[in-house]
Amino acid sequence: MITHIKGRLIEKNPTDVVIECSGVGYFLNISLNTYSQIGEEELLQLYTHLQVKEDSHTLFGFKEKSERDIFRLLISVSGIGANIARTMLSSLAPSQIKDAIAHADVASIQSVKGIGAKTAQRVILDLKDKVLKLGDVNEISAISGNTHKDEALSALETLGFNRKIAQKVVDVLVKNDPSLSVENIIKSALKKL
């Protein structure tokens, strides 16, 4: 398997790059996330994933290993192909995808073009444990396992607050004091919103 390619950047487009390595030009499909990280540097190294099918061999390139790890997790889910995984990584940063999976945020995953509610739920169900193992496990698991937090978020959303904004405030509160009751989380969050 090809793990990375290092060579001279010949061509750069929002969806692909061509890297010349030892006289051979390699065509790599990339996400917009990787595209934004590639400057005008002449010498470039990308981590790769080689997809082998009956009729093609396709290389995908990633500026960071963490993005490649998320890509590989995503394509392991039934119903998520390489193109949808690349679209997800173009729409959301790898850290946003990890957070959305860890916090069971169906809406964020569903916001990606081509992903419906069932597929978003399948992604969360299949990958939640694997994402928690990738890193920041303590922070994510402490916050995601708190049912008081979920109840407080539902209450704040019912009161008309934007879920994403409320979630940021509640996450900070729960991280600082995981033993807060639902009422105390709501009261403290109302003061900060």
Foldseek 3Di string as FASTA:
>chain_A
DQFKDKAFWDDADQQWTWGADPNDTDIAGEANVQSVVDDNDGIAMWTWDWDDDPVDIHIHTHRDVLLVVQLVLQCVFPPGHNVQSSQLCNVDPSVVVLLCLLQVVLVSSCVGPPDHSVNSNSSSVRCNVVSCVVDPVVLSCLQNVQVLLVVLLVVVVVVPDDSVVLNVQLSVVCSVPVPDGNVRSNVSSVVVD
